[in-house]
mmCIF file of all heavy atoms, coordinates in Angstrom:
data_MODEL
# 
_entry.id   MODEL 
# 
loop_
_atom_site.group_PDB 
_atom_site.id 
_atom_site.type_symbol 
_atom_site.label_atom_id 
_atom_site.label_alt_id 
_atom_site.label_comp_id 
_atom_site.label_asym_id 
_atom_site.label_entity_id 
_atom_site.label_seq_id 
_atom_site.pdbx_PDB_ins_code 
_atom_site.Cartn_x 
_atom_site.Cartn_y 
_atom_site.Cartn_z 
_atom_site.occupancy 
_atom_site.B_iso_or_equiv 
_atom_site.pdbx_formal_charge 
_atom_site.auth_seq_id 
_atom_site.auth_comp_id 
_atom_site.auth_asym_id 
_atom_site.auth_atom_id 
_atom_site.pdbx_PDB_model_num 
ATOM 1   N N   . LEU A 1 1  ? 113.914 93.557  91.915  1.00 0.00 ? 1  LEU A N   1 
ATOM 2   C CA  . LEU A 1 1  ? 112.649 92.778  91.801  1.00 0.00 ? 1  LEU A CA  1 
ATOM 3   C C   . LEU A 1 1  ? 111.626 93.591  91.071  1.00 0.00 ? 1  LEU A C   1 
ATOM 4   O O   . LEU A 1 1  ? 110.855 93.073  90.193  1.00 0.00 ? 1  LEU A O   1 
ATOM 5   C CB  . LEU A 1 1  ? 112.165 92.419  93.211  1.00 0.00 ? 1  LEU A CB  1 
ATOM 6   C CG  . LEU A 1 1  ? 112.905 91.302  93.912  1.00 0.00 ? 1  LEU A CG  1 
ATOM 7   C CD1 . LEU A 1 1  ? 112.491 91.220  95.349  1.00 0.00 ? 1  LEU A CD1 1 
ATOM 8   C CD2 . LEU A 1 1  ? 112.652 89.926  93.195  1.00 0.00 ? 1  LEU A CD2 1 
ATOM 9   N N   . ILE A 1 2  ? 111.497 94.856  91.426  1.00 0.00 ? 2  ILE A N   1 
ATOM 10  C CA  . ILE A 1 2  ? 110.473 95.708  90.721  1.00 0.00 ? 2  ILE A CA  1 
ATOM 11  C C   . ILE A 1 2  ? 110.808 95.809  89.190  1.00 0.00 ? 2  ILE A C   1 
ATOM 12  O O   . ILE A 1 2  ? 109.916 95.752  88.357  1.00 0.00 ? 2  ILE A O   1 
ATOM 13  C CB  . ILE A 1 2  ? 110.473 97.134  91.362  1.00 0.00 ? 2  ILE A CB  1 
ATOM 14  C CG1 . ILE A 1 2  ? 109.903 97.036  92.763  1.00 0.00 ? 2  ILE A CG1 1 
ATOM 15  C CG2 . ILE A 1 2  ? 109.674 98.100  90.516  1.00 0.00 ? 2  ILE A CG2 1 
ATOM 16  C CD1 . ILE A 1 2  ? 109.968 98.320  93.583  1.00 0.00 ? 2  ILE A CD1 1 
ATOM 17  N N   . ARG A 1 3  ? 112.092 95.985  88.904  1.00 0.00 ? 3  ARG A N   1 
ATOM 18  C CA  . ARG A 1 3  ? 112.485 96.056  87.511  1.00 0.00 ? 3  ARG A CA  1 
ATOM 19  C C   . ARG A 1 3  ? 112.340 94.746  86.757  1.00 0.00 ? 3  ARG A C   1 
ATOM 20  O O   . ARG A 1 3  ? 111.950 94.697  85.592  1.00 0.00 ? 3  ARG A O   1 
ATOM 21  C CB  . ARG A 1 3  ? 113.931 96.582  87.360  1.00 0.00 ? 3  ARG A CB  1 
ATOM 22  C CG  . ARG A 1 3  ? 114.008 98.071  87.793  1.00 0.00 ? 3  ARG A CG  1 
ATOM 23  C CD  . ARG A 1 3  ? 115.403 98.601  87.800  1.00 0.00 ? 3  ARG A CD  1 
ATOM 24  N NE  . ARG A 1 3  ? 115.407 99.983  88.218  1.00 0.00 ? 3  ARG A NE  1 
ATOM 25  C CZ  . ARG A 1 3  ? 116.503 100.700 88.474  1.00 0.00 ? 3  ARG A CZ  1 
ATOM 26  N NH1 . ARG A 1 3  ? 117.706 100.094 88.345  1.00 0.00 ? 3  ARG A NH1 1 
ATOM 27  N NH2 . ARG A 1 3  ? 116.438 101.949 88.873  1.00 0.00 ? 3  ARG A NH2 1 
ATOM 28  N N   . ARG A 1 4  ? 112.495 93.654  87.497  1.00 0.00 ? 4  ARG A N   1 
ATOM 29  C CA  . ARG A 1 4  ? 112.206 92.328  86.912  1.00 0.00 ? 4  ARG A CA  1 
ATOM 30  C C   . ARG A 1 4  ? 110.709 92.164  86.592  1.00 0.00 ? 4  ARG A C   1 
ATOM 31  O O   . ARG A 1 4  ? 110.372 91.577  85.570  1.00 0.00 ? 4  ARG A O   1 
ATOM 32  C CB  . ARG A 1 4  ? 112.689 91.211  87.870  1.00 0.00 ? 4  ARG A CB  1 
ATOM 33  C CG  . ARG A 1 4  ? 112.442 89.785  87.350  1.00 0.00 ? 4  ARG A CG  1 
ATOM 34  C CD  . ARG A 1 4  ? 113.097 89.551  86.025  1.00 0.00 ? 4  ARG A CD  1 
ATOM 35  N NE  . ARG A 1 4  ? 112.810 88.170  85.513  1.00 0.00 ? 4  ARG A NE  1 
ATOM 36  C CZ  . ARG A 1 4  ? 112.828 87.833  84.249  1.00 0.00 ? 4  ARG A CZ  1 
ATOM 37  N NH1 . ARG A 1 4  ? 113.110 88.725  83.291  1.00 0.00 ? 4  ARG A NH1 1 
ATOM 38  N NH2 . ARG A 1 4  ? 112.608 86.608  83.901  1.00 0.00 ? 4  ARG A NH2 1 
ATOM 39  N N   . ALA A 1 5  ? 109.878 92.676  87.506  1.00 0.00 ? 5  ALA A N   1 
ATOM 40  C CA  . ALA A 1 5  ? 108.427 92.662  87.215  1.00 0.00 ? 5  ALA A CA  1 
ATOM 41  C C   . ALA A 1 5  ? 108.119 93.355  85.919  1.00 0.00 ? 5  ALA A C   1 
ATOM 42  O O   . ALA A 1 5  ? 107.307 92.867  85.096  1.00 0.00 ? 5  ALA A O   1 
ATOM 43  C CB  . ALA A 1 5  ? 107.659 93.289  88.356  1.00 0.00 ? 5  ALA A CB  1 
ATOM 44  N N   . PHE A 1 6  ? 108.755 94.487  85.670  1.00 0.00 ? 6  PHE A N   1 
ATOM 45  C CA  . PHE A 1 6  ? 108.515 95.173  84.401  1.00 0.00 ? 6  PHE A CA  1 
ATOM 46  C C   . PHE A 1 6  ? 109.054 94.367  83.243  1.00 0.00 ? 6  PHE A C   1 
ATOM 47  O O   . PHE A 1 6  ? 108.298 94.256  82.187  1.00 0.00 ? 6  PHE A O   1 
ATOM 48  C CB  . PHE A 1 6  ? 109.243 96.547  84.437  1.00 0.00 ? 6  PHE A CB  1 
ATOM 49  C CG  . PHE A 1 6  ? 109.184 97.302  83.154  1.00 0.00 ? 6  PHE A CG  1 
ATOM 50  C CD1 . PHE A 1 6  ? 108.012 97.989  82.770  1.00 0.00 ? 6  PHE A CD1 1 
ATOM 51  C CD2 . PHE A 1 6  ? 110.233 97.285  82.229  1.00 0.00 ? 6  PHE A CD2 1 
ATOM 52  C CE1 . PHE A 1 6  ? 107.892 98.708  81.580  1.00 0.00 ? 6  PHE A CE1 1 
ATOM 53  C CE2 . PHE A 1 6  ? 110.201 98.005  81.024  1.00 0.00 ? 6  PHE A CE2 1 
ATOM 54  C CZ  . PHE A 1 6  ? 109.013 98.714  80.722  1.00 0.00 ? 6  PHE A CZ  1 
ATOM 55  N N   . GLU A 1 7  ? 110.133 93.729  83.339  1.00 0.00 ? 7  GLU A N   1 
ATOM 56  C CA  . GLU A 1 7  ? 110.664 92.908  82.278  1.00 0.00 ? 7  GLU A CA  1 
ATOM 57  C C   . GLU A 1 7  ? 109.706 91.721  81.943  1.00 0.00 ? 7  GLU A C   1 
ATOM 58  O O   . GLU A 1 7  ? 109.637 91.305  80.797  1.00 0.00 ? 7  GLU A O   1 
ATOM 59  C CB  . GLU A 1 7  ? 111.999 92.290  82.655  1.00 0.00 ? 7  GLU A CB  1 
ATOM 60  C CG  . GLU A 1 7  ? 113.106 93.335  82.741  1.00 0.00 ? 7  GLU A CG  1 
ATOM 61  C CD  . GLU A 1 7  ? 114.408 92.748  83.387  1.00 0.00 ? 7  GLU A CD  1 
ATOM 62  O OE1 . GLU A 1 7  ? 114.415 91.549  83.721  1.00 0.00 ? 7  GLU A OE1 1 
ATOM 63  O OE2 . GLU A 1 7  ? 115.426 93.466  83.421  1.00 0.00 ? 7  GLU A OE2 1 
ATOM 64  N N   . LEU A 1 8  ? 108.922 91.322  82.949  1.00 0.00 ? 8  LEU A N   1 
ATOM 65  C CA  . LEU A 1 8  ? 107.964 90.186  82.772  1.00 0.00 ? 8  LEU A CA  1 
ATOM 66  C C   . LEU A 1 8  ? 106.641 90.734  82.241  1.00 0.00 ? 8  LEU A C   1 
ATOM 67  O O   . LEU A 1 8  ? 105.716 89.932  82.078  1.00 0.00 ? 8  LEU A O   1 
ATOM 68  C CB  . LEU A 1 8  ? 107.743 89.484  84.068  1.00 0.00 ? 8  LEU A CB  1 
ATOM 69  C CG  . LEU A 1 8  ? 109.002 88.718  84.587  1.00 0.00 ? 8  LEU A CG  1 
ATOM 70  C CD1 . LEU A 1 8  ? 108.779 88.258  86.038  1.00 0.00 ? 8  LEU A CD1 1 
ATOM 71  C CD2 . LEU A 1 8  ? 109.251 87.480  83.686  1.00 0.00 ? 8  LEU A CD2 1 
ATOM 72  N N   . GLY A 1 9  ? 106.544 92.020  81.979  1.00 0.00 ? 9  GLY A N   1 
ATOM 73  C CA  . GLY A 1 9  ? 105.350 92.574  81.342  1.00 0.00 ? 9  GLY A CA  1 
ATOM 74  C C   . GLY A 1 9  ? 104.438 93.377  82.267  1.00 0.00 ? 9  GLY A C   1 
ATOM 75  O O   . GLY A 1 9  ? 103.412 93.888  81.844  1.00 0.00 ? 9  GLY A O   1 
ATOM 76  N N   . CYS A 1 10 ? 104.821 93.479  83.580  1.00 0.00 ? 10 CYS A N   1 
ATOM 77  C CA  . CYS A 1 10 ? 103.980 94.254  84.496  1.00 0.00 ? 10 CYS A CA  1 
ATOM 78  C C   . CYS A 1 10 ? 104.189 95.744  84.269  1.00 0.00 ? 10 CYS A C   1 
ATOM 79  O O   . CYS A 1 10 ? 105.302 96.220  84.254  1.00 0.00 ? 10 CYS A O   1 
ATOM 80  C CB  . CYS A 1 10 ? 104.340 93.928  85.919  1.00 0.00 ? 10 CYS A CB  1 
ATOM 81  S SG  . CYS A 1 10 ? 103.383 94.808  87.191  1.00 0.00 ? 10 CYS A SG  1 
ATOM 82  N N   . THR A 1 11 ? 103.078 96.462  84.180  1.00 0.00 ? 11 THR A N   1 
ATOM 83  C CA  . THR A 1 11 ? 103.172 97.968  84.042  1.00 0.00 ? 11 THR A CA  1 
ATOM 84  C C   . THR A 1 11 ? 102.411 98.656  85.070  1.00 0.00 ? 11 THR A C   1 
ATOM 85  O O   . THR A 1 11 ? 102.192 99.874  85.016  1.00 0.00 ? 11 THR A O   1 
ATOM 86  C CB  . THR A 1 11 ? 102.654 98.399  82.652  1.00 0.00 ? 11 THR A CB  1 
ATOM 87  O OG1 . THR A 1 11 ? 101.274 98.013  82.510  1.00 0.00 ? 11 THR A OG1 1 
ATOM 88  C CG2 . THR A 1 11 ? 103.479 97.753  81.530  1.00 0.00 ? 11 THR A CG2 1 
ATOM 89  N N   . PHE A 1 12 ? 101.922 97.898  86.121  1.00 0.00 ? 12 PHE A N   1 
ATOM 90  C CA  . PHE A 1 12 ? 101.046 98.531  87.158  1.00 0.00 ? 12 PHE A CA  1 
ATOM 91  C C   . PHE A 1 12 ? 101.635 98.211  88.535  1.00 0.00 ? 12 PHE A C   1 
ATOM 92  O O   . PHE A 1 12 ? 101.690 97.024  88.934  1.00 0.00 ? 12 PHE A O   1 
ATOM 93  C CB  . PHE A 1 12 ? 99.663  97.896  86.972  1.00 0.00 ? 12 PHE A CB  1 
ATOM 94  C CG  . PHE A 1 12 ? 98.570  98.506  87.869  1.00 0.00 ? 12 PHE A CG  1 
ATOM 95  C CD1 . PHE A 1 12 ? 98.508  99.836  88.150  1.00 0.00 ? 12 PHE A CD1 1 
ATOM 96  C CD2 . PHE A 1 12 ? 97.579  97.636  88.397  1.00 0.00 ? 12 PHE A CD2 1 
ATOM 97  C CE1 . PHE A 1 12 ? 97.535  100.390 89.005  1.00 0.00 ? 12 PHE A CE1 1 
ATOM 98  C CE2 . PHE A 1 12 ? 96.600  98.190  89.178  1.00 0.00 ? 12 PHE A CE2 1 
ATOM 99  C CZ  . PHE A 1 12 ? 96.566  99.561  89.457  1.00 0.00 ? 12 PHE A CZ  1 
ATOM 100 N N   . PHE A 1 13 ? 102.047 99.244  89.216  1.00 0.00 ? 13 PHE A N   1 
ATOM 101 C CA  . PHE A 1 13 ? 102.730 99.082  90.518  1.00 0.00 ? 13 PHE A CA  1 
ATOM 102 C C   . PHE A 1 13 ? 102.004 99.788  91.629  1.00 0.00 ? 13 PHE A C   1 
ATOM 103 O O   . PHE A 1 13 ? 101.710 100.968 91.501  1.00 0.00 ? 13 PHE A O   1 
ATOM 104 C CB  . PHE A 1 13 ? 104.215 99.546  90.398  1.00 0.00 ? 13 PHE A CB  1 
ATOM 105 C CG  . PHE A 1 13 ? 105.026 98.759  89.386  1.00 0.00 ? 13 PHE A CG  1 
ATOM 106 C CD1 . PHE A 1 13 ? 104.954 99.066  88.050  1.00 0.00 ? 13 PHE A CD1 1 
ATOM 107 C CD2 . PHE A 1 13 ? 105.801 97.695  89.797  1.00 0.00 ? 13 PHE A CD2 1 
ATOM 108 C CE1 . PHE A 1 13 ? 105.695 98.329  87.053  1.00 0.00 ? 13 PHE A CE1 1 
ATOM 109 C CE2 . PHE A 1 13 ? 106.507 96.946  88.913  1.00 0.00 ? 13 PHE A CE2 1 
ATOM 110 C CZ  . PHE A 1 13 ? 106.444 97.278  87.531  1.00 0.00 ? 13 PHE A CZ  1 
ATOM 111 N N   . ASP A 1 14 ? 101.791 99.144  92.759  1.00 0.00 ? 14 ASP A N   1 
ATOM 112 C CA  . ASP A 1 14 ? 100.956 99.640  93.817  1.00 0.00 ? 14 ASP A CA  1 
ATOM 113 C C   . ASP A 1 14 ? 101.837 99.850  95.097  1.00 0.00 ? 14 ASP A C   1 
ATOM 114 O O   . ASP A 1 14 ? 102.599 98.951  95.539  1.00 0.00 ? 14 ASP A O   1 
ATOM 115 C CB  . ASP A 1 14 ? 99.818  98.618  94.124  1.00 0.00 ? 14 ASP A CB  1 
ATOM 116 C CG  . ASP A 1 14 ? 98.920  99.111  95.210  1.00 0.00 ? 14 ASP A CG  1 
ATOM 117 O OD1 . ASP A 1 14 ? 97.934  99.816  94.883  1.00 0.00 ? 14 ASP A OD1 1 
ATOM 118 O OD2 . ASP A 1 14 ? 99.168  98.808  96.405  1.00 0.00 ? 14 ASP A OD2 1 
ATOM 119 N N   . THR A 1 15 ? 101.662 100.979 95.714  1.00 0.00 ? 15 THR A N   1 
ATOM 120 C CA  . THR A 1 15 ? 102.330 101.304 96.979  1.00 0.00 ? 15 THR A CA  1 
ATOM 121 C C   . THR A 1 15 ? 101.363 102.178 97.809  1.00 0.00 ? 15 THR A C   1 
ATOM 122 O O   . THR A 1 15 ? 100.169 102.320 97.509  1.00 0.00 ? 15 THR A O   1 
ATOM 123 C CB  . THR A 1 15 ? 103.654 102.018 96.752  1.00 0.00 ? 15 THR A CB  1 
ATOM 124 O OG1 . THR A 1 15 ? 104.296 102.266 97.966  1.00 0.00 ? 15 THR A OG1 1 
ATOM 125 C CG2 . THR A 1 15 ? 103.465 103.313 95.989  1.00 0.00 ? 15 THR A CG2 1 
ATOM 126 N N   . ALA A 1 16 ? 101.845 102.748 98.918  1.00 0.00 ? 16 ALA A N   1 
ATOM 127 C CA  . ALA A 1 16 ? 101.007 103.620 99.748  1.00 0.00 ? 16 ALA A CA  1 
ATOM 128 C C   . ALA A 1 16 ? 101.922 104.442 100.670 1.00 0.00 ? 16 ALA A C   1 
ATOM 129 O O   . ALA A 1 16 ? 103.032 104.015 101.012 1.00 0.00 ? 16 ALA A O   1 
ATOM 130 C CB  . ALA A 1 16 ? 100.058 102.776 100.586 1.00 0.00 ? 16 ALA A CB  1 
ATOM 131 N N   . GLU A 1 17 ? 101.418 105.552 101.115 1.00 0.00 ? 17 GLU A N   1 
ATOM 132 C CA  . GLU A 1 17 ? 102.212 106.446 101.981 1.00 0.00 ? 17 GLU A CA  1 
ATOM 133 C C   . GLU A 1 17 ? 102.539 105.751 103.342 1.00 0.00 ? 17 GLU A C   1 
ATOM 134 O O   . GLU A 1 17 ? 103.591 106.049 103.948 1.00 0.00 ? 17 GLU A O   1 
ATOM 135 C CB  . GLU A 1 17 ? 101.522 107.775 102.207 1.00 0.00 ? 17 GLU A CB  1 
ATOM 136 C CG  . GLU A 1 17 ? 100.190 107.654 102.990 1.00 0.00 ? 17 GLU A CG  1 
ATOM 137 C CD  . GLU A 1 17 ? 99.539  109.025 103.365 1.00 0.00 ? 17 GLU A CD  1 
ATOM 138 O OE1 . GLU A 1 17 ? 99.996  110.035 102.741 1.00 0.00 ? 17 GLU A OE1 1 
ATOM 139 O OE2 . GLU A 1 17 ? 98.604  108.998 104.167 1.00 0.00 ? 17 GLU A OE2 1 
ATOM 140 N N   . ILE A 1 18 ? 101.670 104.883 103.803 1.00 0.00 ? 18 ILE A N   1 
ATOM 141 C CA  . ILE A 1 18 ? 101.875 104.314 105.141 1.00 0.00 ? 18 ILE A CA  1 
ATOM 142 C C   . ILE A 1 18 ? 102.753 103.055 105.090 1.00 0.00 ? 18 ILE A C   1 
ATOM 143 O O   . ILE A 1 18 ? 103.120 102.580 106.160 1.00 0.00 ? 18 ILE A O   1 
ATOM 144 C CB  . ILE A 1 18 ? 100.517 103.953 105.874 1.00 0.00 ? 18 ILE A CB  1 
ATOM 145 C CG1 . ILE A 1 18 ? 99.815  102.821 105.155 1.00 0.00 ? 18 ILE A CG1 1 
ATOM 146 C CG2 . ILE A 1 18 ? 99.671  105.146 105.952 1.00 0.00 ? 18 ILE A CG2 1 
ATOM 147 C CD1 . ILE A 1 18 ? 98.662  102.200 105.939 1.00 0.00 ? 18 ILE A CD1 1 
ATOM 148 N N   . TYR A 1 19 ? 103.114 102.560 103.936 1.00 0.00 ? 19 TYR A N   1 
ATOM 149 C CA  . TYR A 1 19 ? 103.934 101.397 103.859 1.00 0.00 ? 19 TYR A CA  1 
ATOM 150 C C   . TYR A 1 19 ? 105.340 101.759 104.326 1.00 0.00 ? 19 TYR A C   1 
ATOM 151 O O   . TYR A 1 19 ? 106.071 102.482 103.579 1.00 0.00 ? 19 TYR A O   1 
ATOM 152 C CB  . TYR A 1 19 ? 103.967 100.763 102.469 1.00 0.00 ? 19 TYR A CB  1 
ATOM 153 C CG  . TYR A 1 19 ? 102.663 100.190 101.991 1.00 0.00 ? 19 TYR A CG  1 
ATOM 154 C CD1 . TYR A 1 19 ? 102.455 99.940  100.616 1.00 0.00 ? 19 TYR A CD1 1 
ATOM 155 C CD2 . TYR A 1 19 ? 101.588 99.955  102.866 1.00 0.00 ? 19 TYR A CD2 1 
ATOM 156 C CE1 . TYR A 1 19 ? 101.255 99.437  100.172 1.00 0.00 ? 19 TYR A CE1 1 
ATOM 157 C CE2 . TYR A 1 19 ? 100.404 99.450  102.398 1.00 0.00 ? 19 TYR A CE2 1 
ATOM 158 C CZ  . TYR A 1 19 ? 100.239 99.184  101.049 1.00 0.00 ? 19 TYR A CZ  1 
ATOM 159 O OH  . TYR A 1 19 ? 99.050  98.684  100.585 1.00 0.00 ? 19 TYR A OH  1 
ATOM 160 N N   . ALA A 1 20 ? 105.740 101.254 105.507 1.00 0.00 ? 20 ALA A N   1 
ATOM 161 C CA  . ALA A 1 20 ? 107.075 101.530 106.071 1.00 0.00 ? 20 ALA A CA  1 
ATOM 162 C C   . ALA A 1 20 ? 107.294 103.039 106.164 1.00 0.00 ? 20 ALA A C   1 
ATOM 163 O O   . ALA A 1 20 ? 108.410 103.535 105.891 1.00 0.00 ? 20 ALA A O   1 
ATOM 164 C CB  . ALA A 1 20 ? 108.144 100.878 105.262 1.00 0.00 ? 20 ALA A CB  1 
ATOM 165 N N   . MET A 1 21 ? 106.254 103.777 106.498 1.00 0.00 ? 21 MET A N   1 
ATOM 166 C CA  . MET A 1 21 ? 106.339 105.229 106.721 1.00 0.00 ? 21 MET A CA  1 
ATOM 167 C C   . MET A 1 21 ? 106.978 105.986 105.538 1.00 0.00 ? 21 MET A C   1 
ATOM 168 O O   . MET A 1 21 ? 107.797 106.850 105.698 1.00 0.00 ? 21 MET A O   1 
ATOM 169 C CB  . MET A 1 21 ? 107.126 105.511 108.012 1.00 0.00 ? 21 MET A CB  1 
ATOM 170 C CG  . MET A 1 21 ? 106.429 104.991 109.274 1.00 0.00 ? 21 MET A CG  1 
ATOM 171 S SD  . MET A 1 21 ? 107.313 105.366 110.796 1.00 0.00 ? 21 MET A SD  1 
ATOM 172 C CE  . MET A 1 21 ? 108.796 104.415 110.604 1.00 0.00 ? 21 MET A CE  1 
ATOM 173 N N   . GLY A 1 22 ? 106.556 105.615 104.311 1.00 0.00 ? 22 GLY A N   1 
ATOM 174 C CA  . GLY A 1 22 ? 107.017 106.254 103.148 1.00 0.00 ? 22 GLY A CA  1 
ATOM 175 C C   . GLY A 1 22 ? 108.166 105.642 102.475 1.00 0.00 ? 22 GLY A C   1 
ATOM 176 O O   . GLY A 1 22 ? 108.468 105.937 101.333 1.00 0.00 ? 22 GLY A O   1 
ATOM 177 N N   . ALA A 1 23 ? 108.866 104.725 103.131 1.00 0.00 ? 23 ALA A N   1 
ATOM 178 C CA  . ALA A 1 23 ? 110.024 104.045 102.561 1.00 0.00 ? 23 ALA A CA  1 
ATOM 179 C C   . ALA A 1 23 ? 109.686 103.264 101.317 1.00 0.00 ? 23 ALA A C   1 
ATOM 180 O O   . ALA A 1 23 ? 110.500 103.195 100.350 1.00 0.00 ? 23 ALA A O   1 
ATOM 181 C CB  . ALA A 1 23 ? 110.739 103.192 103.567 1.00 0.00 ? 23 ALA A CB  1 
ATOM 182 N N   . ASN A 1 24 ? 108.493 102.673 101.300 1.00 0.00 ? 24 ASN A N   1 
ATOM 183 C CA  . ASN A 1 24 ? 108.095 101.852 100.119 1.00 0.00 ? 24 ASN A CA  1 
ATOM 184 C C   . ASN A 1 24 ? 107.897 102.756 98.899  1.00 0.00 ? 24 ASN A C   1 
ATOM 185 O O   . ASN A 1 24 ? 108.273 102.391 97.759  1.00 0.00 ? 24 ASN A O   1 
ATOM 186 C CB  . ASN A 1 24 ? 106.822 101.087 100.444 1.00 0.00 ? 24 ASN A CB  1 
ATOM 187 C CG  . ASN A 1 24 ? 106.550 99.976  99.419  1.00 0.00 ? 24 ASN A CG  1 
ATOM 188 O OD1 . ASN A 1 24 ? 105.550 100.045 98.647  1.00 0.00 ? 24 ASN A OD1 1 
ATOM 189 N ND2 . ASN A 1 24 ? 107.417 98.958  99.407  1.00 0.00 ? 24 ASN A ND2 1 
ATOM 190 N N   . GLU A 1 25 ? 107.293 103.908 99.106  1.00 0.00 ? 25 GLU A N   1 
ATOM 191 C CA  . GLU A 1 25 ? 107.112 104.898 97.982  1.00 0.00 ? 25 GLU A CA  1 
ATOM 192 C C   . GLU A 1 25 ? 108.510 105.286 97.422  1.00 0.00 ? 25 GLU A C   1 
ATOM 193 O O   . GLU A 1 25 ? 108.706 105.337 96.192  1.00 0.00 ? 25 GLU A O   1 
ATOM 194 C CB  . GLU A 1 25 ? 106.374 106.113 98.409  1.00 0.00 ? 25 GLU A CB  1 
ATOM 195 C CG  . GLU A 1 25 ? 104.848 105.890 98.574  1.00 0.00 ? 25 GLU A CG  1 
ATOM 196 C CD  . GLU A 1 25 ? 104.119 107.149 98.945  1.00 0.00 ? 25 GLU A CD  1 
ATOM 197 O OE1 . GLU A 1 25 ? 104.651 107.973 99.716  1.00 0.00 ? 25 GLU A OE1 1 
ATOM 198 O OE2 . GLU A 1 25 ? 103.052 107.365 98.418  1.00 0.00 ? 25 GLU A OE2 1 
# 
């Protein structure tokens, strides 16, 4: 999904250290 977002023109991705205790990063 993240790579599909890039294919659609997205170049800005947001996460955080607390999202799922680091798993999201």
